[in-house]
Amino acid sequence: MVQTISIVVSLVAIGFILWWFFGQREAEAKLAENVDGVQVVEITVDGGYQPRTVQLKAGMLAKLVFNRKDPSSCLEEVLLPDFGVAQMLTLGKKTEITIDPSKAGEYKYTCGMQMFSGKVVVK
């Protein structure tokens, strides 16, 4: 009986871990604001990325402003491979990353260890 309970609890824990790290969590995309002809959106880095999804217009420069509040080493770097960006984020400060979203599509960004992610949707 104890073995059965242990197996069930273990399977539930494994399922939760898989859902937490790899499950799809669709959230409403935050639209960037137009500031002097540049799209600007702030992303808070605290236990992940908030908002997880940002929306930009194609063909217009964009600034992603990462505000790192989480001291974990995993979140000290952000990777935007489709834009050739690997940027360290200073704790307690805002870091601006300028990108040129010229083509429509969905572009993933992750922490340095690729455990936390978000996406940029370009329309």
PDB file of N, CA and C in Angstrom:
ATOM      1  N   MET A   1       0.824  -1.201   0.000  1.00  0.00           N
ATOM      2  CA  MET A   1       0.000   0.000   0.000  1.00  0.00           C
ATOM      3  C   MET A   1       0.871   1.270   0.000  1.00  0.00           C
ATOM      4  N   VAL A   2       1.898   1.285   0.835  1.00  0.00           N
ATOM      5  CA  VAL A   2       2.797   2.446   0.919  1.00  0.00           C
ATOM      6  C   VAL A   2       3.509   2.659  -0.413  1.00  0.00           C
ATOM      7  N   GLN A   3       3.912   1.562  -1.063  1.00  0.00           N
ATOM      8  CA  GLN A   3       4.575   1.682  -2.361  1.00  0.00           C
ATOM      9  C   GLN A   3       3.643   2.273  -3.406  1.00  0.00           C
ATOM     10  N   THR A   4       2.397   1.874  -3.400  1.00  0.00           N
ATOM     11  CA  THR A   4       1.418   2.402  -4.354  1.00  0.00           C
ATOM     12  C   THR A   4       1.224   3.895  -4.153  1.00  0.00           C
ATOM     13  N   ILE A   5       1.099   4.309  -2.919  1.00  0.00           N
ATOM     14  CA  ILE A   5       0.934   5.739  -2.615  1.00  0.00           C
ATOM     15  C   ILE A   5       2.173   6.516  -3.049  1.00  0.00           C
ATOM     16  N   SER A   6       3.358   5.967  -2.773  1.00  0.00           N
ATOM     17  CA  SER A   6       4.605   6.621  -3.176  1.00  0.00           C
ATOM     18  C   SER A   6       4.697   6.772  -4.687  1.00  0.00           C
ATOM     19  N   ILE A   7       4.309   5.746  -5.424  1.00  0.00           N
ATOM     20  CA  ILE A   7       4.355   5.796  -6.886  1.00  0.00           C
ATOM     21  C   ILE A   7       3.377   6.844  -7.406  1.00  0.00           C
ATOM     22  N   VAL A   8       2.168   6.872  -6.869  1.00  0.00           N
ATOM     23  CA  VAL A   8       1.164   7.846  -7.310  1.00  0.00           C
ATOM     24  C   VAL A   8       1.632   9.268  -7.020  1.00  0.00           C
ATOM     25  N   VAL A   9       2.150   9.510  -5.826  1.00  0.00           N
ATOM     26  CA  VAL A   9       2.643  10.841  -5.471  1.00  0.00           C
ATOM     27  C   VAL A   9       3.810  11.238  -6.368  1.00  0.00           C
ATOM     28  N   SER A  10       4.709  10.317  -6.652  1.00  0.00           N
ATOM     29  CA  SER A  10       5.847  10.589  -7.535  1.00  0.00           C
ATOM     30  C   SER A  10       5.383  10.941  -8.943  1.00  0.00           C
ATOM     31  N   LEU A  11       4.421  10.202  -9.470  1.00  0.00           N
ATOM     32  CA  LEU A  11       3.909  10.484 -10.816  1.00  0.00           C
ATOM     33  C   LEU A  11       3.219  11.843 -10.881  1.00  0.00           C
ATOM     34  N   VAL A  12       2.480  12.190  -9.836  1.00  0.00           N
ATOM     35  CA  VAL A  12       1.834  13.506  -9.791  1.00  0.00           C
ATOM     36  C   VAL A  12       2.897  14.607  -9.747  1.00  0.00           C
ATOM     37  N   ALA A  13       3.942  14.411  -8.944  1.00  0.00           N
ATOM     38  CA  ALA A  13       5.012  15.411  -8.854  1.00  0.00           C
ATOM     39  C   ALA A  13       5.728  15.571 -10.185  1.00  0.00           C
ATOM     40  N   ILE A  14       6.015  14.485 -10.862  1.00  0.00           N
ATOM     41  CA  ILE A  14       6.667  14.549 -12.175  1.00  0.00           C
ATOM     42  C   ILE A  14       5.761  15.265 -13.178  1.00  0.00           C
ATOM     43  N   GLY A  15       4.472  14.936 -13.160  1.00  0.00           N
ATOM     44  CA  GLY A  15       3.533  15.615 -14.056  1.00  0.00           C
ATOM     45  C   GLY A  15       3.484  17.113 -13.806  1.00  0.00           C
ATOM     46  N   PHE A  16       3.486  17.513 -12.531  1.00  0.00           N
ATOM     47  CA  PHE A  16       3.467  18.941 -12.195  1.00  0.00           C
ATOM     48  C   PHE A  16       4.732  19.631 -12.685  1.00  0.00           C
ATOM     49  N   ILE A  17       5.887  19.001 -12.484  1.00  0.00           N
ATOM     50  CA  ILE A  17       7.152  19.599 -12.926  1.00  0.00           C
ATOM     51  C   ILE A  17       7.155  19.759 -14.441  1.00  0.00           C
ATOM     52  N   LEU A  18       6.717  18.743 -15.163  1.00  0.00           N
ATOM     53  CA  LEU A  18       6.661  18.845 -16.624  1.00  0.00           C
ATOM     54  C   LEU A  18       5.711  19.956 -17.061  1.00  0.00           C
ATOM     55  N   TRP A  19       4.552  20.045 -16.431  1.00  0.00           N
ATOM     56  CA  TRP A  19       3.605  21.115 -16.770  1.00  0.00           C
ATOM     57  C   TRP A  19       4.203  22.485 -16.470  1.00  0.00           C
ATOM     58  N   TRP A  20       4.844  22.624 -15.321  1.00  0.00           N
ATOM     59  CA  TRP A  20       5.390  23.921 -14.890  1.00  0.00           C
ATOM     60  C   TRP A  20       6.436  24.447 -15.866  1.00  0.00           C
ATOM     61  N   PHE A  21       7.362  23.597 -16.296  1.00  0.00           N
ATOM     62  CA  PHE A  21       8.452  24.045 -17.150  1.00  0.00           C
ATOM     63  C   PHE A  21       8.144  23.979 -18.641  1.00  0.00           C
ATOM     64  N   PHE A  22       7.280  23.064 -19.065  1.00  0.00           N
ATOM     65  CA  PHE A  22       7.086  22.865 -20.495  1.00  0.00           C
ATOM     66  C   PHE A  22       5.655  23.076 -20.975  1.00  0.00           C
ATOM     67  N   GLY A  23       4.730  23.275 -20.059  1.00  0.00           N
ATOM     68  CA  GLY A  23       3.334  23.448 -20.440  1.00  0.00           C
ATOM     69  C   GLY A  23       3.083  24.768 -21.149  1.00  0.00           C
ATOM     70  N   GLN A  24       2.128  24.775 -22.026  1.00  0.00           N
ATOM     71  CA  GLN A  24       1.744  25.986 -22.747  1.00  0.00           C
ATOM     72  C   GLN A  24       0.901  26.869 -21.850  1.00  0.00           C
ATOM     73  N   ARG A  25       1.320  28.110 -21.706  1.00  0.00           N
ATOM     74  CA  ARG A  25       0.559  29.074 -20.922  1.00  0.00           C
ATOM     75  C   ARG A  25       0.308  30.280 -21.811  1.00  0.00           C
ATOM     76  N   GLU A  26      -0.812  30.289 -22.430  1.00  0.00           N
ATOM     77  CA  GLU A  26      -1.141  31.401 -23.311  1.00  0.00           C
ATOM     78  C   GLU A  26      -1.653  32.583 -22.487  1.00  0.00           C
ATOM     79  N   ALA A  27      -1.080  33.701 -22.737  1.00  0.00           N
ATOM     80  CA  ALA A  27      -1.509  34.915 -22.059  1.00  0.00           C
ATOM     81  C   ALA A  27      -1.774  35.973 -23.123  1.00  0.00           C
ATOM     82  N   GLU A  28      -2.563  36.929 -22.765  1.00  0.00           N
ATOM     83  CA  GLU A  28      -2.841  38.012 -23.692  1.00  0.00           C
ATOM     84  C   GLU A  28      -1.565  38.806 -23.941  1.00  0.00           C
ATOM     85  N   ALA A  29      -1.311  39.110 -25.187  1.00  0.00           N
ATOM     86  CA  ALA A  29      -0.105  39.843 -25.552  1.00  0.00           C
ATOM     87  C   ALA A  29      -0.240  41.319 -25.166  1.00  0.00           C
ATOM     88  N   LYS A  30       0.844  41.861 -24.623  1.00  0.00           N
ATOM     89  CA  LYS A  30       0.878  43.277 -24.290  1.00  0.00           C
ATOM     90  C   LYS A  30       1.365  44.039 -25.522  1.00  0.00           C
ATOM     91  N   LEU A  31       0.602  45.039 -25.917  1.00  0.00           N
ATOM     92  CA  LEU A  31       0.978  45.853 -27.071  1.00  0.00           C
ATOM     93  C   LEU A  31       2.034  46.875 -26.678  1.00  0.00           C
ATOM     94  N   ALA A  32       3.011  47.059 -27.538  1.00  0.00           N
ATOM     95  CA  ALA A  32       4.047  48.061 -27.305  1.00  0.00           C
ATOM     96  C   ALA A  32       3.471  49.456 -27.515  1.00  0.00           C
ATOM     97  N   GLU A  33       4.023  50.418 -26.780  1.00  0.00           N
ATOM     98  CA  GLU A  33       3.628  51.824 -26.946  1.00  0.00           C
ATOM     99  C   GLU A  33       4.563  52.487 -27.949  1.00  0.00           C
ATOM    100  N   ASN A  34       4.019  53.407 -28.740  1.00  0.00           N
ATOM    101  CA  ASN A  34       4.817  54.157 -29.695  1.00  0.00           C
ATOM    102  C   ASN A  34       5.357  55.405 -28.990  1.00  0.00           C
ATOM    103  N   VAL A  35       6.682  55.460 -28.827  1.00  0.00           N
ATOM    104  CA  VAL A  35       7.326  56.609 -28.188  1.00  0.00           C
ATOM    105  C   VAL A  35       8.330  57.187 -29.178  1.00  0.00           C
ATOM    106  N   ASP A  36       7.998  58.336 -29.739  1.00  0.00           N
ATOM    107  CA  ASP A  36       8.857  59.016 -30.710  1.00  0.00           C
ATOM    108  C   ASP A  36       9.263  58.109 -31.864  1.00  0.00           C
ATOM    109  N   GLY A  37       8.313  57.351 -32.387  1.00  0.00           N
ATOM    110  CA  GLY A  37       8.566  56.505 -33.546  1.00  0.00           C
ATOM    111  C   GLY A  37       9.232  55.173 -33.243  1.00  0.00           C
ATOM    112  N   VAL A  38       9.379  54.857 -31.958  1.00  0.00           N
ATOM    113  CA  VAL A  38       9.966  53.577 -31.556  1.00  0.00           C
ATOM    114  C   VAL A  38       8.961  52.848 -30.667  1.00  0.00           C
ATOM    115  N   GLN A  39       8.780  51.563 -30.908  1.00  0.00           N
ATOM    116  CA  GLN A  39       7.898  50.763 -30.068  1.00  0.00           C
ATOM    117  C   GLN A  39       8.629  50.442 -28.770  1.00  0.00           C
ATOM    118  N   VAL A  40       7.962  50.654 -27.642  1.00  0.00           N
ATOM    119  CA  VAL A  40       8.581  50.404 -26.344  1.00  0.00           C
ATOM    120  C   VAL A  40       7.652  49.539 -25.510  1.00  0.00           C
ATOM    121  N   VAL A  41       8.218  48.501 -24.904  1.00  0.00           N
ATOM    122  CA  VAL A  41       7.455  47.656 -23.994  1.00  0.00           C
ATOM    123  C   VAL A  41       8.371  47.250 -22.839  1.00  0.00           C
ATOM    124  N   GLU A  42       7.840  47.320 -21.616  1.00  0.00           N
ATOM    125  CA  GLU A  42       8.613  46.927 -20.442  1.00  0.00           C
ATOM    126  C   GLU A  42       8.233  45.514 -20.026  1.00  0.00           C
ATOM    127  N   ILE A  43       9.260  44.724 -19.717  1.00  0.00           N
ATOM    128  CA  ILE A  43       9.087  43.340 -19.299  1.00  0.00           C
ATOM    129  C   ILE A  43       9.738  43.195 -17.920  1.00  0.00           C
ATOM    130  N   THR A  44       8.940  42.816 -16.932  1.00  0.00           N
ATOM    131  CA  THR A  44       9.452  42.610 -15.584  1.00  0.00           C
ATOM    132  C   THR A  44      10.009  41.194 -15.478  1.00  0.00           C
ATOM    133  N   VAL A  45      11.216  41.096 -14.926  1.00  0.00           N
ATOM    134  CA  VAL A  45      11.879  39.808 -14.753  1.00  0.00           C
ATOM    135  C   VAL A  45      11.847  39.484 -13.261  1.00  0.00           C
ATOM    136  N   ASP A  46      10.895  38.641 -12.874  1.00  0.00           N
ATOM    137  CA  ASP A  46      10.715  38.302 -11.464  1.00  0.00           C
ATOM    138  C   ASP A  46      10.042  36.934 -11.378  1.00  0.00           C
ATOM    139  N   GLY A  47      10.843  35.886 -11.250  1.00  0.00           N
ATOM    140  CA  GLY A  47      10.296  34.537 -11.252  1.00  0.00           C
ATOM    141  C   GLY A  47       9.814  34.126 -12.628  1.00  0.00           C
ATOM    142  N   GLY A  48      10.306  34.769 -13.642  1.00  0.00           N
ATOM    143  CA  GLY A  48       9.892  34.576 -15.032  1.00  0.00           C
ATOM    144  C   GLY A  48       9.751  35.936 -15.686  1.00  0.00           C
ATOM    145  N   TYR A  49       9.014  35.999 -16.762  1.00  0.00           N
ATOM    146  CA  TYR A  49       8.823  37.244 -17.511  1.00  0.00           C
ATOM    147  C   TYR A  49       7.360  37.652 -17.479  1.00  0.00           C
ATOM    148  N   GLN A  50       7.125  38.919 -17.194  1.00  0.00           N
ATOM    149  CA  GLN A  50       5.753  39.439 -17.162  1.00  0.00           C
ATOM    150  C   GLN A  50       5.718  40.759 -17.921  1.00  0.00           C
ATOM    151  N   PRO A  51       5.027  40.891 -18.984  1.00  0.00           N
ATOM    152  CA  PRO A  51       4.189  39.866 -19.618  1.00  0.00           C
ATOM    153  C   PRO A  51       5.055  38.847 -20.354  1.00  0.00           C
ATOM    154  N   ARG A  52       4.500  37.674 -20.522  1.00  0.00           N
ATOM    155  CA  ARG A  52       5.212  36.612 -21.238  1.00  0.00           C
ATOM    156  C   ARG A  52       5.160  36.821 -22.746  1.00  0.00           C
ATOM    157  N   THR A  53       4.138  37.529 -23.216  1.00  0.00           N
ATOM    158  CA  THR A  53       3.973  37.755 -24.652  1.00  0.00           C
ATOM    159  C   THR A  53       3.817  39.243 -24.912  1.00  0.00           C
ATOM    160  N   VAL A  54       4.630  39.768 -25.837  1.00  0.00           N
ATOM    161  CA  VAL A  54       4.508  41.165 -26.249  1.00  0.00           C
ATOM    162  C   VAL A  54       4.244  41.201 -27.748  1.00  0.00           C
ATOM    163  N   GLN A  55       3.497  42.215 -28.164  1.00  0.00           N
ATOM    164  CA  GLN A  55       3.153  42.333 -29.582  1.00  0.00           C
ATOM    165  C   GLN A  55       3.756  43.609 -30.151  1.00  0.00           C
ATOM    166  N   LEU A  56       4.415  43.457 -31.299  1.00  0.00           N
ATOM    167  CA  LEU A  56       5.048  44.571 -31.998  1.00  0.00           C
ATOM    168  C   LEU A  56       4.530  44.654 -33.426  1.00  0.00           C
ATOM    169  N   LYS A  57       4.721  45.820 -34.028  1.00  0.00           N
ATOM    170  CA  LYS A  57       4.387  46.002 -35.445  1.00  0.00           C
ATOM    171  C   LYS A  57       5.636  45.757 -36.275  1.00  0.00           C
ATOM    172  N   ALA A  58       5.469  45.076 -37.377  1.00  0.00           N
ATOM    173  CA  ALA A  58       6.593  44.790 -38.271  1.00  0.00           C
ATOM    174  C   ALA A  58       7.094  46.080 -38.913  1.00  0.00           C
ATOM    175  N   GLY A  59       8.411  46.142 -39.125  1.00  0.00           N
ATOM    176  CA  GLY A  59       9.020  47.256 -39.838  1.00  0.00           C
ATOM    177  C   GLY A  59       9.258  48.507 -39.022  1.00  0.00           C
ATOM    178  N   MET A  60       9.146  48.430 -37.717  1.00  0.00           N
ATOM    179  CA  MET A  60       9.327  49.593 -36.851  1.00  0.00           C
ATOM    180  C   MET A  60      10.242  49.199 -35.695  1.00  0.00           C
ATOM    181  N   LEU A  61      11.332  49.949 -35.483  1.00  0.00           N
ATOM    182  CA  LEU A  61      12.254  49.624 -34.398  1.00  0.00           C
ATOM    183  C   LEU A  61      11.516  49.465 -33.076  1.00  0.00           C
ATOM    184  N   ALA A  62      12.058  48.595 -32.222  1.00  0.00           N
ATOM    185  CA  ALA A  62      11.420  48.333 -30.930  1.00  0.00           C
ATOM    186  C   ALA A  62      12.466  48.275 -29.833  1.00  0.00           C
ATOM    187  N   LYS A  63      12.084  48.764 -28.655  1.00  0.00           N
ATOM    188  CA  LYS A  63      12.916  48.651 -27.458  1.00  0.00           C
ATOM    189  C   LYS A  63      12.195  47.761 -26.467  1.00  0.00           C
ATOM    190  N   LEU A  64      12.849  46.676 -26.097  1.00  0.00           N
ATOM    191  CA  LEU A  64      12.357  45.823 -25.032  1.00  0.00           C
ATOM    192  C   LEU A  64      13.113  46.251 -23.781  1.00  0.00           C
ATOM    193  N   VAL A  65      12.391  46.705 -22.772  1.00  0.00           N
ATOM    194  CA  VAL A  65      13.008  47.204 -21.546  1.00  0.00           C
ATOM    195  C   VAL A  65      12.800  46.152 -20.458  1.00  0.00           C
ATOM    196  N   PHE A  66      13.875  45.437 -20.121  1.00  0.00           N
ATOM    197  CA  PHE A  66      13.810  44.393 -19.111  1.00  0.00           C
ATOM    198  C   PHE A  66      14.146  44.986 -17.749  1.00  0.00           C
ATOM    199  N   ASN A  67      13.233  44.811 -16.789  1.00  0.00           N
ATOM    200  CA  ASN A  67      13.409  45.315 -15.430  1.00  0.00           C
ATOM    201  C   ASN A  67      13.603  44.100 -14.519  1.00  0.00           C
ATOM    202  N   ARG A  68      14.873  43.795 -14.216  1.00  0.00           N
ATOM    203  CA  ARG A  68      15.188  42.583 -13.445  1.00  0.00           C
ATOM    204  C   ARG A  68      15.053  42.833 -11.945  1.00  0.00           C
ATOM    205  N   LYS A  69      14.142  42.068 -11.322  1.00  0.00           N
ATOM    206  CA  LYS A  69      13.912  42.149  -9.885  1.00  0.00           C
ATOM    207  C   LYS A  69      14.312  40.862  -9.172  1.00  0.00           C
ATOM    208  N   ASP A  70      14.491  39.790  -9.930  1.00  0.00           N
ATOM    209  CA  ASP A  70      14.785  38.472  -9.373  1.00  0.00           C
ATOM    210  C   ASP A  70      16.298  38.259  -9.317  1.00  0.00           C
ATOM    211  N   PRO A  71      16.842  37.922  -8.128  1.00  0.00           N
ATOM    212  CA  PRO A  71      18.292  37.754  -8.007  1.00  0.00           C
ATOM    213  C   PRO A  71      18.832  36.412  -8.504  1.00  0.00           C
ATOM    214  N   SER A  72      17.968  35.502  -8.935  1.00  0.00           N
ATOM    215  CA  SER A  72      18.465  34.174  -9.331  1.00  0.00           C
ATOM    216  C   SER A  72      19.384  34.286 -10.547  1.00  0.00           C
ATOM    217  N   SER A  73      20.416  33.453 -10.539  1.00  0.00           N
ATOM    218  CA  SER A  73      21.412  33.514 -11.613  1.00  0.00           C
ATOM    219  C   SER A  73      20.819  33.102 -12.960  1.00  0.00           C
ATOM    220  N   CYS A  74      19.765  32.312 -12.955  1.00  0.00           N
ATOM    221  CA  CYS A  74      19.132  31.885 -14.197  1.00  0.00           C
ATOM    222  C   CYS A  74      18.593  33.089 -14.976  1.00  0.00           C
ATOM    223  N   LEU A  75      18.076  34.075 -14.255  1.00  0.00           N
ATOM    224  CA  LEU A  75      17.434  35.215 -14.916  1.00  0.00           C
ATOM    225  C   LEU A  75      18.369  36.410 -15.116  1.00  0.00           C
ATOM    226  N   GLU A  76      19.681  36.200 -14.964  1.00  0.00           N
ATOM    227  CA  GLU A  76      20.612  37.305 -15.136  1.00  0.00           C
ATOM    228  C   GLU A  76      20.948  37.571 -16.610  1.00  0.00           C
ATOM    229  N   GLU A  77      20.512  36.685 -17.486  1.00  0.00           N
ATOM    230  CA  GLU A  77      20.772  36.856 -18.914  1.00  0.00           C
ATOM    231  C   GLU A  77      19.500  36.573 -19.691  1.00  0.00           C
ATOM    232  N   VAL A  78      19.283  37.338 -20.760  1.00  0.00           N
ATOM    233  CA  VAL A  78      18.152  37.078 -21.645  1.00  0.00           C
ATOM    234  C   VAL A  78      18.706  36.819 -23.047  1.00  0.00           C
ATOM    235  N   LEU A  79      18.127  35.809 -23.701  1.00  0.00           N
ATOM    236  CA  LEU A  79      18.554  35.420 -25.040  1.00  0.00           C
ATOM    237  C   LEU A  79      17.411  35.628 -26.024  1.00  0.00           C
ATOM    238  N   LEU A  80      17.688  36.346 -27.094  1.00  0.00           N
ATOM    239  CA  LEU A  80      16.760  36.503 -28.210  1.00  0.00           C
ATOM    240  C   LEU A  80      17.504  36.014 -29.453  1.00  0.00           C
ATOM    241  N   PRO A  81      17.565  34.702 -29.654  1.00  0.00           N
ATOM    242  CA  PRO A  81      18.408  34.154 -30.719  1.00  0.00           C
ATOM    243  C   PRO A  81      18.042  34.613 -32.127  1.00  0.00           C
ATOM    244  N   ASP A  82      16.771  34.840 -32.391  1.00  0.00           N
ATOM    245  CA  ASP A  82      16.363  35.272 -33.734  1.00  0.00           C
ATOM    246  C   ASP A  82      16.835  36.685 -34.057  1.00  0.00           C
ATOM    247  N   PHE A  83      17.194  37.449 -33.021  1.00  0.00           N
ATOM    248  CA  PHE A  83      17.685  38.813 -33.218  1.00  0.00           C
ATOM    249  C   PHE A  83      19.170  38.921 -32.884  1.00  0.00           C
ATOM    250  N   GLY A  84      19.811  37.789 -32.608  1.00  0.00           N
ATOM    251  CA  GLY A  84      21.238  37.778 -32.306  1.00  0.00           C
ATOM    252  C   GLY A  84      21.587  38.466 -30.997  1.00  0.00           C
ATOM    253  N   VAL A  85      20.715  38.363 -29.996  1.00  0.00           N
ATOM    254  CA  VAL A  85      20.926  39.063 -28.730  1.00  0.00           C
ATOM    255  C   VAL A  85      21.162  38.071 -27.593  1.00  0.00           C
ATOM    256  N   ALA A  86      22.221  38.314 -26.832  1.00  0.00           N
ATOM    257  CA  ALA A  86      22.493  37.637 -25.558  1.00  0.00           C
ATOM    258  C   ALA A  86      22.921  38.759 -24.620  1.00  0.00           C
ATOM    259  N   GLN A  87      22.032  39.184 -23.732  1.00  0.00           N
ATOM    260  CA  GLN A  87      22.261  40.388 -22.920  1.00  0.00           C
ATOM    261  C   GLN A  87      22.178  40.065 -21.431  1.00  0.00           C
ATOM    262  N   MET A  88      23.184  40.509 -20.678  1.00  0.00           N
ATOM    263  CA  MET A  88      23.150  40.384 -19.224  1.00  0.00           C
ATOM    264  C   MET A  88      22.200  41.460 -18.681  1.00  0.00           C
ATOM    265  N   LEU A  89      21.448  41.101 -17.640  1.00  0.00           N
ATOM    266  CA  LEU A  89      20.497  42.024 -17.019  1.00  0.00           C
ATOM    267  C   LEU A  89      20.970  42.334 -15.605  1.00  0.00           C
ATOM    268  N   THR A  90      21.123  43.614 -15.299  1.00  0.00           N
ATOM    269  CA  THR A  90      21.576  44.044 -13.987  1.00  0.00           C
ATOM    270  C   THR A  90      20.404  44.033 -13.012  1.00  0.00           C
ATOM    271  N   LEU A  91      20.621  43.444 -11.855  1.00  0.00           N
ATOM    272  CA  LEU A  91      19.591  43.376 -10.823  1.00  0.00           C
ATOM    273  C   LEU A  91      19.216  44.776 -10.357  1.00  0.00           C
ATOM    274  N   GLY A  92      17.910  45.050 -10.327  1.00  0.00           N
ATOM    275  CA  GLY A  92      17.410  46.334  -9.848  1.00  0.00           C
ATOM    276  C   GLY A  92      17.499  47.472 -10.851  1.00  0.00           C
ATOM    277  N   LYS A  93      17.893  47.177 -12.073  1.00  0.00           N
ATOM    278  CA  LYS A  93      17.999  48.216 -13.101  1.00  0.00           C
ATOM    279  C   LYS A  93      17.285  47.777 -14.369  1.00  0.00           C
ATOM    280  N   LYS A  94      16.911  48.766 -15.157  1.00  0.00           N
ATOM    281  CA  LYS A  94      16.266  48.488 -16.441  1.00  0.00           C
ATOM    282  C   LYS A  94      17.329  48.406 -17.526  1.00  0.00           C
ATOM    283  N   THR A  95      17.184  47.386 -18.369  1.00  0.00           N
ATOM    284  CA  THR A  95      18.106  47.186 -19.480  1.00  0.00           C
ATOM    285  C   THR A  95      17.316  47.263 -20.781  1.00  0.00           C
ATOM    286  N   GLU A  96      17.711  48.174 -21.662  1.00  0.00           N
ATOM    287  CA  GLU A  96      17.025  48.359 -22.944  1.00  0.00           C
ATOM    288  C   GLU A  96      17.715  47.531 -24.024  1.00  0.00           C
ATOM    289  N   ILE A  97      16.928  46.798 -24.767  1.00  0.00           N
ATOM    290  CA  ILE A  97      17.433  46.035 -25.905  1.00  0.00           C
ATOM    291  C   ILE A  97      16.652  46.496 -27.132  1.00  0.00           C
ATOM    292  N   THR A  98      17.361  47.018 -28.112  1.00  0.00           N
ATOM    293  CA  THR A  98      16.719  47.483 -29.343  1.00  0.00           C
ATOM    294  C   THR A  98      16.788  46.382 -30.387  1.00  0.00           C
ATOM    295  N   ILE A  99      15.636  46.102 -30.985  1.00  0.00           N
ATOM    296  CA  ILE A  99      15.566  45.087 -32.040  1.00  0.00           C
ATOM    297  C   ILE A  99      14.841  45.675 -33.243  1.00  0.00           C
ATOM    298  N   ASP A 100      15.047  45.048 -34.383  1.00  0.00           N
ATOM    299  CA  ASP A 100      14.377  45.464 -35.614  1.00  0.00           C
ATOM    300  C   ASP A 100      13.462  44.328 -36.075  1.00  0.00           C
ATOM    301  N   PRO A 101      12.196  44.367 -35.661  1.00  0.00           N
ATOM    302  CA  PRO A 101      11.269  43.297 -36.043  1.00  0.00           C
ATOM    303  C   PRO A 101      10.714  43.538 -37.446  1.00  0.00           C
ATOM    304  N   SER A 102      11.532  43.233 -38.448  1.00  0.00           N
ATOM    305  CA  SER A 102      11.134  43.553 -39.819  1.00  0.00           C
ATOM    306  C   SER A 102      10.167  42.545 -40.425  1.00  0.00           C
ATOM    307  N   LYS A 103      10.185  41.304 -39.929  1.00  0.00           N
ATOM    308  CA  LYS A 103       9.304  40.281 -40.493  1.00  0.00           C
ATOM    309  C   LYS A 103       8.285  39.816 -39.455  1.00  0.00           C
ATOM    310  N   ALA A 104       7.059  39.619 -39.920  1.00  0.00           N
ATOM    311  CA  ALA A 104       6.006  39.103 -39.038  1.00  0.00           C
ATOM    312  C   ALA A 104       6.357  37.679 -38.599  1.00  0.00           C
ATOM    313  N   GLY A 105       5.934  37.335 -37.402  1.00  0.00           N
ATOM    314  CA  GLY A 105       6.174  35.991 -36.882  1.00  0.00           C
ATOM    315  C   GLY A 105       6.202  35.988 -35.369  1.00  0.00           C
ATOM    316  N   GLU A 106       6.526  34.838 -34.801  1.00  0.00           N
ATOM    317  CA  GLU A 106       6.658  34.688 -33.359  1.00  0.00           C
ATOM    318  C   GLU A 106       8.104  34.350 -33.054  1.00  0.00           C
ATOM    319  N   TYR A 107       8.687  35.092 -32.120  1.00  0.00           N
ATOM    320  CA  TYR A 107      10.087  34.942 -31.777  1.00  0.00           C
ATOM    321  C   TYR A 107      10.210  34.711 -30.273  1.00  0.00           C
ATOM    322  N   LYS A 108      10.852  33.631 -29.912  1.00  0.00           N
ATOM    323  CA  LYS A 108      10.981  33.249 -28.509  1.00  0.00           C
ATOM    324  C   LYS A 108      12.185  33.943 -27.875  1.00  0.00           C
ATOM    325  N   TYR A 109      12.038  34.304 -26.597  1.00  0.00           N
ATOM    326  CA  TYR A 109      13.186  34.732 -25.806  1.00  0.00           C
ATOM    327  C   TYR A 109      13.206  33.911 -24.525  1.00  0.00           C
ATOM    328  N   THR A 110      14.412  33.677 -23.997  1.00  0.00           N
ATOM    329  CA  THR A 110      14.560  32.826 -22.829  1.00  0.00           C
ATOM    330  C   THR A 110      15.593  33.411 -21.875  1.00  0.00           C
ATOM    331  N   CYS A 111      15.610  32.838 -20.673  1.00  0.00           N
ATOM    332  CA  CYS A 111      16.681  33.153 -19.739  1.00  0.00           C
ATOM    333  C   CYS A 111      17.936  32.417 -20.215  1.00  0.00           C
ATOM    334  N   GLY A 112      19.052  32.683 -19.574  1.00  0.00           N
ATOM    335  CA  GLY A 112      20.310  32.063 -19.978  1.00  0.00           C
ATOM    336  C   GLY A 112      20.303  30.554 -19.913  1.00  0.00           C
ATOM    337  N   MET A 113      19.551  29.977 -18.973  1.00  0.00           N
ATOM    338  CA  MET A 113      19.477  28.527 -18.840  1.00  0.00           C
ATOM    339  C   MET A 113      18.307  27.926 -19.625  1.00  0.00           C
ATOM    340  N   GLN A 114      17.549  28.764 -20.287  1.00  0.00           N
ATOM    341  CA  GLN A 114      16.388  28.384 -21.095  1.00  0.00           C
ATOM    342  C   GLN A 114      15.304  27.671 -20.281  1.00  0.00           C
ATOM    343  N   MET A 115      15.178  28.063 -19.014  1.00  0.00           N
ATOM    344  CA  MET A 115      14.123  27.509 -18.158  1.00  0.00           C
ATOM    345  C   MET A 115      12.880  28.390 -18.183  1.00  0.00           C
ATOM    346  N   PHE A 116      13.054  29.683 -18.353  1.00  0.00           N
ATOM    347  CA  PHE A 116      11.942  30.635 -18.422  1.00  0.00           C
ATOM    348  C   PHE A 116      11.932  31.229 -19.812  1.00  0.00           C
ATOM    349  N   SER A 117      10.731  31.485 -20.331  1.00  0.00           N
ATOM    350  CA  SER A 117      10.654  32.001 -21.692  1.00  0.00           C
ATOM    351  C   SER A 117       9.478  32.941 -21.867  1.00  0.00           C
ATOM    352  N   GLY A 118       9.524  33.645 -22.958  1.00  0.00           N
ATOM    353  CA  GLY A 118       8.434  34.516 -23.385  1.00  0.00           C
ATOM    354  C   GLY A 118       8.508  34.587 -24.894  1.00  0.00           C
ATOM    355  N   LYS A 119       7.613  35.382 -25.478  1.00  0.00           N
ATOM    356  CA  LYS A 119       7.696  35.505 -26.937  1.00  0.00           C
ATOM    357  C   LYS A 119       7.316  36.892 -27.392  1.00  0.00           C
ATOM    358  N   VAL A 120       7.888  37.260 -28.510  1.00  0.00           N
ATOM    359  CA  VAL A 120       7.588  38.515 -29.189  1.00  0.00           C
ATOM    360  C   VAL A 120       6.782  38.131 -30.424  1.00  0.00           C
ATOM    361  N   VAL A 121       5.576  38.677 -30.530  1.00  0.00           N
ATOM    362  CA  VAL A 121       4.727  38.447 -31.690  1.00  0.00           C
ATOM    363  C   VAL A 121       4.784  39.693 -32.557  1.00  0.00           C
ATOM    364  N   VAL A 122       5.208  39.517 -33.784  1.00  0.00           N
ATOM    365  CA  VAL A 122       5.325  40.641 -34.728  1.00  0.00           C
ATOM    366  C   VAL A 122       4.238  40.490 -35.773  1.00  0.00           C
ATOM    367  N   LYS A 123       3.393  41.533 -35.892  1.00  0.00           N
ATOM    368  CA  LYS A 123       2.299  41.516 -36.878  1.00  0.00           C
ATOM    369  C   LYS A 123       2.466  42.654 -37.865  1.00  0.00           C
TER     370      LYS A 123
END
